Amino acid sequence: MNRLNSSEFIYLTDTHLGADPIGYYQQYSYNKSFTEIIAALKTWIIDNGNIDFILHGGDIIDQTSEANIDLAKKEFSDLPVPLYLCLGNHDLTAINSLNTWLVNAENFFMDNKPCFCLENDLYAVHVMPSYWCETPYYWDREEQNVNFSDEQIQSLEKNLLKYSDKKVQILLTHSPVFGLSAEQTGFDEPYHETKEKYVDIILEIVKRHSSLKVVLGAHNHMNMHLQRSNTHFVTASSFSETPFEFKHFKINENGISMSTISLLKNINFIADYDFNKTYVQGRPCDRAFEEMF
């Protein structure tokens, strides 16, 4: 990565390209109009001019096939910055999914590995896909026993120590750590919670590494932000669902900030919105933060 005094990147997720029909969703999905959505993103990046790369939080496609991977490569091919992918459960629906990805889409990964690190003078971003069952990098579309392997955790711990002098370390994995709070949704209890064992694993890692400032998740198709001690936990709504949102991160010597950007006004088609689910977009505190060092 380039050596910079400041850095900006985009975080988006859950595009589910190739889905027909769409399965899980929170807002209306327009993945069949994705070419227009990605064109609006390209214009936004060019107009802003300072974006270094895009992180995709997973479920870039709806099920594993070479045709869907080719579709993802085509849709994201014309962007002015590279895209790096954290594989989600829908990206891993075949026993040989990982090999299919690494053979057909090596540009989405660093060093052609599913777990990798992006770093410069300011930060280190650790990409580590969740496991969904006992078979690594496979999801049978039923079981969601979210976990990490011992090898993954050991490698992450080693890299977190290696880059402990960075201003910011970030962990990206597909499965979120926390569900949406009742304060955000208005429900009686937290929504879309994750299993306690997985939460404990992440919180133990966070406790040991004070430079781990952000944990990025996906999967739930909803914006969430909460802070536990020194760490910000973030999830994002689906980029292919109305209002076509992504996260914009800025890091410099003085701090880190996140904002949520909507492309709804930048597209050329009329998109429906379910106003019974405004919690998906979240409150101001769920959509942005700024922390000074």
C-alpha atoms as a PDB file:
ATOM      1  CA  MET A   1       0.000   0.000   0.000  1.00  0.00           C
ATOM      2  CA  ASN A   2       1.055   3.600  -0.509  1.00  0.00           C
ATOM      3  CA  ARG A   3       2.731   5.459   2.357  1.00  0.00           C
ATOM      4  CA  LEU A   4       0.474   8.402   3.207  1.00  0.00           C
ATOM      5  CA  ASN A   5      -0.208  10.967   5.917  1.00  0.00           C
ATOM      6  CA  SER A   6      -3.937  10.414   5.404  1.00  0.00           C
ATOM      7  CA  SER A   7      -6.074   7.741   3.813  1.00  0.00           C
ATOM      8  CA  GLU A   8      -9.668   7.259   2.725  1.00  0.00           C
ATOM      9  CA  PHE A   9     -11.507   4.111   1.748  1.00  0.00           C
ATOM     10  CA  ILE A  10     -15.026   2.902   1.025  1.00  0.00           C
ATOM     11  CA  TYR A  11     -16.780   0.039   2.768  1.00  0.00           C
ATOM     12  CA  LEU A  12     -19.797  -1.575   1.084  1.00  0.00           C
ATOM     13  CA  THR A  13     -21.369  -5.002   1.260  1.00  0.00           C
ATOM     14  CA  ASP A  14     -24.039  -7.612   0.429  1.00  0.00           C
ATOM     15  CA  THR A  15     -24.585  -6.937  -3.265  1.00  0.00           C
ATOM     16  CA  HIS A  16     -25.836 -10.507  -3.977  1.00  0.00           C
ATOM     17  CA  LEU A  17     -25.119 -10.305  -7.697  1.00  0.00           C
ATOM     18  CA  GLY A  18     -26.791 -13.058  -9.706  1.00  0.00           C
ATOM     19  CA  ALA A  19     -29.676 -13.533  -7.244  1.00  0.00           C
ATOM     20  CA  ASP A  20     -32.919 -14.422  -9.024  1.00  0.00           C
ATOM     21  CA  PRO A  21     -35.053 -14.081  -7.022  1.00  0.00           C
ATOM     22  CA  ILE A  22     -33.417 -12.296  -4.129  1.00  0.00           C
ATOM     23  CA  GLY A  23     -33.674 -14.263  -0.891  1.00  0.00           C
ATOM     24  CA  TYR A  24     -32.799 -12.366   2.271  1.00  0.00           C
ATOM     25  CA  TYR A  25     -33.256  -8.602   2.085  1.00  0.00           C
ATOM     26  CA  GLN A  26     -34.191  -5.686   4.321  1.00  0.00           C
ATOM     27  CA  GLN A  27     -35.027  -2.983   1.788  1.00  0.00           C
ATOM     28  CA  TYR A  28     -36.005  -3.300  -1.882  1.00  0.00           C
ATOM     29  CA  SER A  29     -33.160  -4.880  -3.839  1.00  0.00           C
ATOM     30  CA  TYR A  30     -32.087  -3.571  -7.235  1.00  0.00           C
ATOM     31  CA  ASN A  31     -29.179  -5.886  -7.952  1.00  0.00           C
ATOM     32  CA  LYS A  32     -30.525  -6.266 -11.508  1.00  0.00           C
ATOM     33  CA  SER A  33     -29.885  -2.522 -11.936  1.00  0.00           C
ATOM     34  CA  PHE A  34     -26.424  -2.805 -10.447  1.00  0.00           C
ATOM     35  CA  THR A  35     -24.631  -1.411 -13.496  1.00  0.00           C
ATOM     36  CA  GLU A  36     -26.372   1.928 -12.913  1.00  0.00           C
ATOM     37  CA  ILE A  37     -25.657   1.861  -9.184  1.00  0.00           C
ATOM     38  CA  ILE A  38     -21.969   1.144  -9.713  1.00  0.00           C
ATOM     39  CA  ALA A  39     -21.778   3.919 -12.321  1.00  0.00           C
ATOM     40  CA  ALA A  40     -23.018   6.355  -9.675  1.00  0.00           C
ATOM     41  CA  LEU A  41     -20.356   5.069  -7.276  1.00  0.00           C
ATOM     42  CA  LYS A  42     -17.662   5.560  -9.905  1.00  0.00           C
ATOM     43  CA  THR A  43     -18.751   9.172 -10.393  1.00  0.00           C
ATOM     44  CA  TRP A  44     -18.730   9.747  -6.634  1.00  0.00           C
ATOM     45  CA  ILE A  45     -15.189   8.377  -6.337  1.00  0.00           C
ATOM     46  CA  ILE A  46     -13.919  10.505  -9.227  1.00  0.00           C
ATOM     47  CA  ASP A  47     -15.563  13.620  -7.793  1.00  0.00           C
ATOM     48  CA  ASN A  48     -14.021  13.024  -4.367  1.00  0.00           C
ATOM     49  CA  GLY A  49     -10.631  12.087  -5.724  1.00  0.00           C
ATOM     50  CA  ASN A  50      -8.998  10.737  -2.549  1.00  0.00           C
ATOM     51  CA  ILE A  51     -10.287   7.164  -2.241  1.00  0.00           C
ATOM     52  CA  ASP A  52      -7.528   4.538  -2.041  1.00  0.00           C
ATOM     53  CA  PHE A  53      -9.571   1.339  -2.279  1.00  0.00           C
ATOM     54  CA  ILE A  54     -12.946  -0.317  -1.660  1.00  0.00           C
ATOM     55  CA  LEU A  55     -13.580  -3.025   0.924  1.00  0.00           C
ATOM     56  CA  HIS A  56     -16.455  -5.384   0.126  1.00  0.00           C
ATOM     57  CA  GLY A  57     -17.813  -7.060   3.266  1.00  0.00           C
ATOM     58  CA  GLY A  58     -19.006 -10.227   1.528  1.00  0.00           C
ATOM     59  CA  ASP A  59     -21.955 -11.794  -0.280  1.00  0.00           C
ATOM     60  CA  ILE A  60     -20.751 -10.055  -3.414  1.00  0.00           C
ATOM     61  CA  ILE A  61     -22.632 -12.810  -5.268  1.00  0.00           C
ATOM     62  CA  ASP A  62     -25.654 -14.884  -4.244  1.00  0.00           C
ATOM     63  CA  GLN A  63     -24.197 -18.324  -4.877  1.00  0.00           C
ATOM     64  CA  THR A  64     -20.866 -19.683  -6.004  1.00  0.00           C
ATOM     65  CA  SER A  65     -20.425 -20.167  -9.733  1.00  0.00           C
ATOM     66  CA  GLU A  66     -17.880 -19.037 -12.302  1.00  0.00           C
ATOM     67  CA  ALA A  67     -20.664 -17.144 -14.083  1.00  0.00           C
ATOM     68  CA  ASN A  68     -21.534 -15.154 -10.955  1.00  0.00           C
ATOM     69  CA  ILE A  69     -17.868 -14.469 -10.209  1.00  0.00           C
ATOM     70  CA  ASP A  70     -17.445 -13.234 -13.784  1.00  0.00           C
ATOM     71  CA  LEU A  71     -20.472 -10.995 -13.260  1.00  0.00           C
ATOM     72  CA  ALA A  72     -18.931  -9.527 -10.107  1.00  0.00           C
ATOM     73  CA  LYS A  73     -15.635  -8.912 -11.891  1.00  0.00           C
ATOM     74  CA  LYS A  74     -17.445  -7.226 -14.771  1.00  0.00           C
ATOM     75  CA  GLU A  75     -19.585  -4.970 -12.566  1.00  0.00           C
ATOM     76  CA  PHE A  76     -16.628  -3.777 -10.478  1.00  0.00           C
ATOM     77  CA  SER A  77     -14.069  -3.708 -13.306  1.00  0.00           C
ATOM     78  CA  ASP A  78     -14.368  -0.061 -14.338  1.00  0.00           C
ATOM     79  CA  LEU A  79     -13.807   1.555 -10.953  1.00  0.00           C
ATOM     80  CA  PRO A  80     -10.785   3.859 -10.540  1.00  0.00           C
ATOM     81  CA  VAL A  81      -9.615   2.100  -7.353  1.00  0.00           C
ATOM     82  CA  PRO A  82      -9.098  -1.583  -6.448  1.00  0.00           C
ATOM     83  CA  LEU A  83     -11.721  -3.635  -4.629  1.00  0.00           C
ATOM     84  CA  TYR A  84     -10.823  -6.184  -1.944  1.00  0.00           C
ATOM     85  CA  LEU A  85     -13.283  -8.863  -0.850  1.00  0.00           C
ATOM     86  CA  CYS A  86     -14.003 -10.562   2.465  1.00  0.00           C
ATOM     87  CA  LEU A  87     -15.845 -13.730   1.448  1.00  0.00           C
ATOM     88  CA  GLY A  88     -19.362 -14.088   2.887  1.00  0.00           C
ATOM     89  CA  ASN A  89     -21.566 -17.139   3.285  1.00  0.00           C
ATOM     90  CA  HIS A  90     -23.319 -16.636  -0.069  1.00  0.00           C
ATOM     91  CA  ASP A  91     -19.911 -16.525  -1.758  1.00  0.00           C
ATOM     92  CA  LEU A  92     -19.172 -20.017  -0.412  1.00  0.00           C
ATOM     93  CA  THR A  93     -22.062 -22.257  -1.454  1.00  0.00           C
ATOM     94  CA  ALA A  94     -19.943 -24.986  -3.095  1.00  0.00           C
ATOM     95  CA  ILE A  95     -17.417 -27.322  -1.483  1.00  0.00           C
ATOM     96  CA  ASN A  96     -14.642 -25.996  -3.754  1.00  0.00           C
ATOM     97  CA  SER A  97     -15.711 -22.345  -3.449  1.00  0.00           C
ATOM     98  CA  LEU A  98     -12.388 -20.997  -2.242  1.00  0.00           C
ATOM     99  CA  ASN A  99     -10.428 -22.494  -5.109  1.00  0.00           C
ATOM    100  CA  THR A 100     -13.013 -21.190  -7.595  1.00  0.00           C
ATOM    101  CA  TRP A 101     -12.532 -17.667  -6.217  1.00  0.00           C
ATOM    102  CA  LEU A 102      -8.743 -17.765  -6.122  1.00  0.00           C
ATOM    103  CA  VAL A 103      -8.488 -19.123  -9.655  1.00  0.00           C
ATOM    104  CA  ASN A 104     -11.044 -16.783 -11.193  1.00  0.00           C
ATOM    105  CA  ALA A 105     -10.830 -13.550  -9.162  1.00  0.00           C
ATOM    106  CA  GLU A 106      -7.352 -13.244  -7.689  1.00  0.00           C
ATOM    107  CA  ASN A 107      -7.456  -9.431  -7.942  1.00  0.00           C
ATOM    108  CA  PHE A 108     -10.082  -9.342  -5.186  1.00  0.00           C
ATOM    109  CA  PHE A 109      -7.517 -10.678  -2.671  1.00  0.00           C
ATOM    110  CA  MET A 110      -3.998  -9.780  -1.526  1.00  0.00           C
ATOM    111  CA  ASP A 111      -1.387 -12.468  -2.255  1.00  0.00           C
ATOM    112  CA  ASN A 112      -4.240 -14.626  -3.605  1.00  0.00           C
ATOM    113  CA  LYS A 113      -5.313 -15.588  -0.069  1.00  0.00           C
ATOM    114  CA  PRO A 114      -8.754 -15.255   1.592  1.00  0.00           C
ATOM    115  CA  CYS A 115      -7.185 -13.868   4.803  1.00  0.00           C
ATOM    116  CA  PHE A 116      -4.905 -10.912   4.138  1.00  0.00           C
ATOM    117  CA  CYS A 117      -3.811  -7.522   5.395  1.00  0.00           C
ATOM    118  CA  LEU A 118      -3.770  -4.047   3.815  1.00  0.00           C
ATOM    119  CA  GLU A 119      -1.417  -1.621   5.533  1.00  0.00           C
ATOM    120  CA  ASN A 120       0.358   1.701   5.336  1.00  0.00           C
ATOM    121  CA  ASP A 121       1.982   4.041   7.862  1.00  0.00           C
ATOM    122  CA  LEU A 122      -1.369   4.833   9.480  1.00  0.00           C
ATOM    123  CA  TYR A 123      -3.356   1.617   9.560  1.00  0.00           C
ATOM    124  CA  ALA A 124      -3.578  -2.126   9.083  1.00  0.00           C
ATOM    125  CA  VAL A 125      -6.812  -3.669   7.785  1.00  0.00           C
ATOM    126  CA  HIS A 126      -7.115  -7.379   8.556  1.00  0.00           C
ATOM    127  CA  VAL A 127      -9.547  -9.304   6.330  1.00  0.00           C
ATOM    128  CA  MET A 128     -10.683 -12.610   7.856  1.00  0.00           C
ATOM    129  CA  PRO A 129     -13.779 -14.398   6.501  1.00  0.00           C
ATOM    130  CA  SER A 130     -16.013 -16.204   8.973  1.00  0.00           C
ATOM    131  CA  TYR A 131     -16.425 -19.975   8.916  1.00  0.00           C
ATOM    132  CA  TRP A 132     -20.027 -21.224   8.687  1.00  0.00           C
ATOM    133  CA  CYS A 133     -19.687 -24.939   9.429  1.00  0.00           C
ATOM    134  CA  GLU A 134     -16.973 -27.526  10.066  1.00  0.00           C
ATOM    135  CA  THR A 135     -15.893 -27.433   6.409  1.00  0.00           C
ATOM    136  CA  PRO A 136     -13.687 -24.361   5.859  1.00  0.00           C
ATOM    137  CA  TYR A 137     -14.940 -21.818   3.325  1.00  0.00           C
ATOM    138  CA  TYR A 138     -18.246 -23.554   2.731  1.00  0.00           C
ATOM    139  CA  TRP A 139     -21.879 -22.775   3.566  1.00  0.00           C
ATOM    140  CA  ASP A 140     -24.562 -25.393   2.968  1.00  0.00           C
ATOM    141  CA  ARG A 141     -27.349 -22.720   2.949  1.00  0.00           C
ATOM    142  CA  GLU A 142     -28.770 -24.065   6.212  1.00  0.00           C
ATOM    143  CA  GLU A 143     -26.230 -24.100   9.030  1.00  0.00           C
ATOM    144  CA  GLN A 144     -24.867 -20.789  10.334  1.00  0.00           C
ATOM    145  CA  ASN A 145     -22.472 -21.917  13.044  1.00  0.00           C
ATOM    146  CA  VAL A 146     -20.274 -18.826  12.784  1.00  0.00           C
ATOM    147  CA  ASN A 147     -16.708 -19.310  13.957  1.00  0.00           C
ATOM    148  CA  PHE A 148     -13.020 -18.956  13.127  1.00  0.00           C
ATOM    149  CA  SER A 149     -10.402 -21.676  12.938  1.00  0.00           C
ATOM    150  CA  ASP A 150      -7.562 -21.788  15.453  1.00  0.00           C
ATOM    151  CA  GLU A 151      -5.180 -21.082  12.574  1.00  0.00           C
ATOM    152  CA  GLN A 152      -7.114 -17.939  11.609  1.00  0.00           C
ATOM    153  CA  ILE A 153      -7.096 -16.603  15.174  1.00  0.00           C
ATOM    154  CA  GLN A 154      -3.403 -17.334  15.675  1.00  0.00           C
ATOM    155  CA  SER A 155      -2.530 -15.590  12.410  1.00  0.00           C
ATOM    156  CA  LEU A 156      -4.694 -12.582  13.285  1.00  0.00           C
ATOM    157  CA  GLU A 157      -3.132 -12.286  16.748  1.00  0.00           C
ATOM    158  CA  LYS A 158       0.340 -12.415  15.200  1.00  0.00           C
ATOM    159  CA  ASN A 159      -0.500  -9.676  12.701  1.00  0.00           C
ATOM    160  CA  LEU A 160      -2.203  -7.475  15.307  1.00  0.00           C
ATOM    161  CA  LEU A 161       1.015  -7.592  17.337  1.00  0.00           C
ATOM    162  CA  LYS A 162       3.108  -6.974  14.238  1.00  0.00           C
ATOM    163  CA  TYR A 163       1.214  -3.773  13.443  1.00  0.00           C
ATOM    164  CA  SER A 164       0.518  -2.635  17.003  1.00  0.00           C
ATOM    165  CA  ASP A 165       2.373   0.637  16.349  1.00  0.00           C
ATOM    166  CA  LYS A 166      -0.246   1.732  13.793  1.00  0.00           C
ATOM    167  CA  LYS A 167      -2.663   4.524  14.660  1.00  0.00           C
ATOM    168  CA  VAL A 168      -5.572   2.276  13.655  1.00  0.00           C
ATOM    169  CA  GLN A 169      -6.094  -1.429  13.148  1.00  0.00           C
ATOM    170  CA  ILE A 170      -9.324  -2.665  11.562  1.00  0.00           C
ATOM    171  CA  LEU A 171     -10.784  -6.165  11.426  1.00  0.00           C
ATOM    172  CA  LEU A 172     -13.199  -7.031   8.606  1.00  0.00           C
ATOM    173  CA  THR A 173     -15.221 -10.217   8.774  1.00  0.00           C
ATOM    174  CA  HIS A 174     -18.596 -10.998   7.242  1.00  0.00           C
ATOM    175  CA  SER A 175     -20.605 -11.986  10.303  1.00  0.00           C
ATOM    176  CA  PRO A 176     -21.475  -9.058  12.618  1.00  0.00           C
ATOM    177  CA  VAL A 177     -20.558  -9.152  16.286  1.00  0.00           C
ATOM    178  CA  PHE A 178     -23.695  -7.510  17.670  1.00  0.00           C
ATOM    179  CA  GLY A 179     -27.341  -7.327  16.688  1.00  0.00           C
ATOM    180  CA  LEU A 180     -29.232  -4.067  16.338  1.00  0.00           C
ATOM    181  CA  SER A 181     -30.263  -2.599  19.667  1.00  0.00           C
ATOM    182  CA  ALA A 182     -33.890  -2.240  20.724  1.00  0.00           C
ATOM    183  CA  GLU A 183     -33.245   1.510  20.881  1.00  0.00           C
ATOM    184  CA  GLN A 184     -32.490   1.487  17.155  1.00  0.00           C
ATOM    185  CA  THR A 185     -35.276  -0.820  15.990  1.00  0.00           C
ATOM    186  CA  GLY A 186     -38.039  -0.158  18.498  1.00  0.00           C
ATOM    187  CA  PHE A 187     -38.382  -3.932  18.981  1.00  0.00           C
ATOM    188  CA  ASP A 188     -38.602  -5.597  22.373  1.00  0.00           C
ATOM    189  CA  GLU A 189     -35.130  -7.156  22.127  1.00  0.00           C
ATOM    190  CA  PRO A 190     -31.953  -6.939  19.995  1.00  0.00           C
ATOM    191  CA  TYR A 191     -32.470  -7.899  16.354  1.00  0.00           C
ATOM    192  CA  HIS A 192     -30.345 -10.310  14.311  1.00  0.00           C
ATOM    193  CA  GLU A 193     -28.080 -11.280  17.205  1.00  0.00           C
ATOM    194  CA  THR A 194     -24.981 -13.428  16.759  1.00  0.00           C
ATOM    195  CA  LYS A 195     -24.164 -16.535  18.787  1.00  0.00           C
ATOM    196  CA  GLU A 196     -22.498 -15.826  22.127  1.00  0.00           C
ATOM    197  CA  LYS A 197     -19.419 -17.965  21.431  1.00  0.00           C
ATOM    198  CA  TYR A 198     -18.545 -15.905  18.352  1.00  0.00           C
ATOM    199  CA  VAL A 199     -19.096 -12.642  20.227  1.00  0.00           C
ATOM    200  CA  ASP A 200     -16.784 -13.801  23.017  1.00  0.00           C
ATOM    201  CA  ILE A 201     -14.009 -14.668  20.548  1.00  0.00           C
ATOM    202  CA  ILE A 202     -14.091 -11.179  19.030  1.00  0.00           C
ATOM    203  CA  LEU A 203     -14.321  -9.396  22.381  1.00  0.00           C
ATOM    204  CA  GLU A 204     -11.343 -11.330  23.736  1.00  0.00           C
ATOM    205  CA  ILE A 205      -9.281 -10.290  20.703  1.00  0.00           C
ATOM    206  CA  VAL A 206     -10.373  -6.673  21.122  1.00  0.00           C
ATOM    207  CA  LYS A 207      -9.438  -6.751  24.813  1.00  0.00           C
ATOM    208  CA  ARG A 208      -5.890  -7.848  24.014  1.00  0.00           C
ATOM    209  CA  HIS A 209      -5.230  -5.266  21.283  1.00  0.00           C
ATOM    210  CA  SER A 210      -5.918  -1.625  22.078  1.00  0.00           C
ATOM    211  CA  SER A 211      -4.986  -0.497  18.559  1.00  0.00           C
ATOM    212  CA  LEU A 212      -7.915  -2.488  17.120  1.00  0.00           C
ATOM    213  CA  LYS A 213     -10.181   0.536  16.709  1.00  0.00           C
ATOM    214  CA  VAL A 214     -12.828  -0.815  14.293  1.00  0.00           C
ATOM    215  CA  VAL A 215     -14.509  -4.172  13.669  1.00  0.00           C
ATOM    216  CA  LEU A 216     -16.443  -4.202  10.394  1.00  0.00           C
ATOM    217  CA  GLY A 217     -19.261  -6.689   9.819  1.00  0.00           C
ATOM    218  CA  ALA A 218     -21.922  -7.283   7.190  1.00  0.00           C
ATOM    219  CA  HIS A 219     -24.538 -10.025   6.639  1.00  0.00           C
ATOM    220  CA  ASN A 220     -27.517  -8.321   8.308  1.00  0.00           C
ATOM    221  CA  HIS A 221     -28.054  -5.683   5.558  1.00  0.00           C
ATOM    222  CA  MET A 222     -28.451  -2.950   8.198  1.00  0.00           C
ATOM    223  CA  ASN A 223     -26.452   0.045   9.389  1.00  0.00           C
ATOM    224  CA  MET A 224     -25.263  -0.302  12.955  1.00  0.00           C
ATOM    225  CA  HIS A 225     -22.601   1.426  14.991  1.00  0.00           C
ATOM    226  CA  LEU A 226     -21.821   1.002  18.641  1.00  0.00           C
ATOM    227  CA  GLN A 227     -18.711   1.456  20.713  1.00  0.00           C
ATOM    228  CA  ARG A 228     -17.418  -0.935  23.330  1.00  0.00           C
ATOM    229  CA  SER A 229     -14.443   0.438  25.269  1.00  0.00           C
ATOM    230  CA  ASN A 230     -11.866   1.401  22.660  1.00  0.00           C
ATOM    231  CA  THR A 231     -13.482  -0.211  19.616  1.00  0.00           C
ATOM    232  CA  HIS A 232     -16.178   0.787  17.122  1.00  0.00           C
ATOM    233  CA  PHE A 233     -18.383  -2.049  15.823  1.00  0.00           C
ATOM    234  CA  VAL A 234     -19.953  -1.297  12.442  1.00  0.00           C
ATOM    235  CA  THR A 235     -22.265  -3.032   9.995  1.00  0.00           C
ATOM    236  CA  ALA A 236     -23.591  -1.679   6.695  1.00  0.00           C
ATOM    237  CA  SER A 237     -26.816  -1.940   4.756  1.00  0.00           C
ATOM    238  CA  SER A 238     -26.841  -3.742   1.415  1.00  0.00           C
ATOM    239  CA  PHE A 239     -25.300  -1.592  -1.314  1.00  0.00           C
ATOM    240  CA  SER A 240     -27.795  -2.934  -3.865  1.00  0.00           C
ATOM    241  CA  GLU A 241     -30.831  -2.112  -1.691  1.00  0.00           C
ATOM    242  CA  THR A 242     -32.491   1.297  -1.510  1.00  0.00           C
ATOM    243  CA  PRO A 243     -31.013   3.878  -0.760  1.00  0.00           C
ATOM    244  CA  PHE A 244     -27.730   2.376  -2.084  1.00  0.00           C
ATOM    245  CA  GLU A 245     -25.449   3.287   0.814  1.00  0.00           C
ATOM    246  CA  PHE A 246     -21.793   2.793   1.645  1.00  0.00           C
ATOM    247  CA  LYS A 247     -19.392   3.852   4.392  1.00  0.00           C
ATOM    248  CA  HIS A 248     -16.702   6.466   3.822  1.00  0.00           C
ATOM    249  CA  PHE A 249     -13.727   6.150   6.182  1.00  0.00           C
ATOM    250  CA  LYS A 250     -11.038   8.786   6.699  1.00  0.00           C
ATOM    251  CA  ILE A 251      -7.870   8.183   8.705  1.00  0.00           C
ATOM    252  CA  ASN A 252      -5.098  10.654   9.438  1.00  0.00           C
ATOM    253  CA  GLU A 253      -2.538  11.404  12.152  1.00  0.00           C
ATOM    254  CA  ASN A 254      -5.203  13.052  14.287  1.00  0.00           C
ATOM    255  CA  GLY A 255      -8.073  10.587  14.151  1.00  0.00           C
ATOM    256  CA  ILE A 256     -10.536   8.383  12.296  1.00  0.00           C
ATOM    257  CA  SER A 257     -14.029   9.172  11.046  1.00  0.00           C
ATOM    258  CA  MET A 258     -16.845   7.313   9.302  1.00  0.00           C
ATOM    259  CA  SER A 259     -19.846   8.669   7.421  1.00  0.00           C
ATOM    260  CA  THR A 260     -22.652   6.916   5.522  1.00  0.00           C
ATOM    261  CA  ILE A 261     -23.216   8.023   1.930  1.00  0.00           C
ATOM    262  CA  SER A 262     -26.391   7.405  -0.088  1.00  0.00           C
ATOM    263  CA  LEU A 263     -26.395   7.299  -3.890  1.00  0.00           C
ATOM    264  CA  LEU A 264     -30.196   7.451  -4.175  1.00  0.00           C
ATOM    265  CA  LYS A 265     -30.141  10.933  -5.732  1.00  0.00           C
ATOM    266  CA  ASN A 266     -27.405   9.884  -8.158  1.00  0.00           C
ATOM    267  CA  ILE A 267     -29.229   7.072  -9.947  1.00  0.00           C
ATOM    268  CA  ASN A 268     -31.491   7.345 -12.993  1.00  0.00           C
ATOM    269  CA  PHE A 269     -34.331   5.022 -11.977  1.00  0.00           C
ATOM    270  CA  ILE A 270     -37.107   5.267  -9.410  1.00  0.00           C
ATOM    271  CA  ALA A 271     -36.436   3.070  -6.367  1.00  0.00           C
ATOM    272  CA  ASP A 272     -39.066   2.058  -3.819  1.00  0.00           C
ATOM    273  CA  TYR A 273     -38.410   2.307  -0.094  1.00  0.00           C
ATOM    274  CA  ASP A 274     -40.088   0.513   2.821  1.00  0.00           C
ATOM    275  CA  PHE A 275     -40.752   3.236   5.405  1.00  0.00           C
ATOM    276  CA  ASN A 276     -41.728   0.561   7.939  1.00  0.00           C
ATOM    277  CA  LYS A 277     -38.025  -0.339   8.094  1.00  0.00           C
ATOM    278  CA  THR A 278     -36.290   2.976   8.581  1.00  0.00           C
ATOM    279  CA  TYR A 279     -34.255   1.322  11.346  1.00  0.00           C
ATOM    280  CA  VAL A 280     -32.233  -0.278   8.535  1.00  0.00           C
ATOM    281  CA  GLN A 281     -30.652   3.110   7.814  1.00  0.00           C
ATOM    282  CA  GLY A 282     -30.261   3.852  11.513  1.00  0.00           C
ATOM    283  CA  ARG A 283     -30.043   6.941  13.648  1.00  0.00           C
ATOM    284  CA  PRO A 284     -27.259   9.538  13.211  1.00  0.00           C
ATOM    285  CA  CYS A 285     -25.193   7.674  15.821  1.00  0.00           C
ATOM    286  CA  ASP A 286     -25.557   4.457  13.801  1.00  0.00           C
ATOM    287  CA  ARG A 287     -24.385   6.129  10.599  1.00  0.00           C
ATOM    288  CA  ALA A 288     -21.317   8.124  11.620  1.00  0.00           C
ATOM    289  CA  PHE A 289     -18.609   8.610  14.187  1.00  0.00           C
ATOM    290  CA  GLU A 290     -15.426  10.606  14.671  1.00  0.00           C
ATOM    291  CA  GLU A 291     -12.654   9.790  17.120  1.00  0.00           C
ATOM    292  CA  MET A 292      -9.620  11.982  17.720  1.00  0.00           C
ATOM    293  CA  PHE A 293      -6.363  10.426  18.851  1.00  0.00           C
END
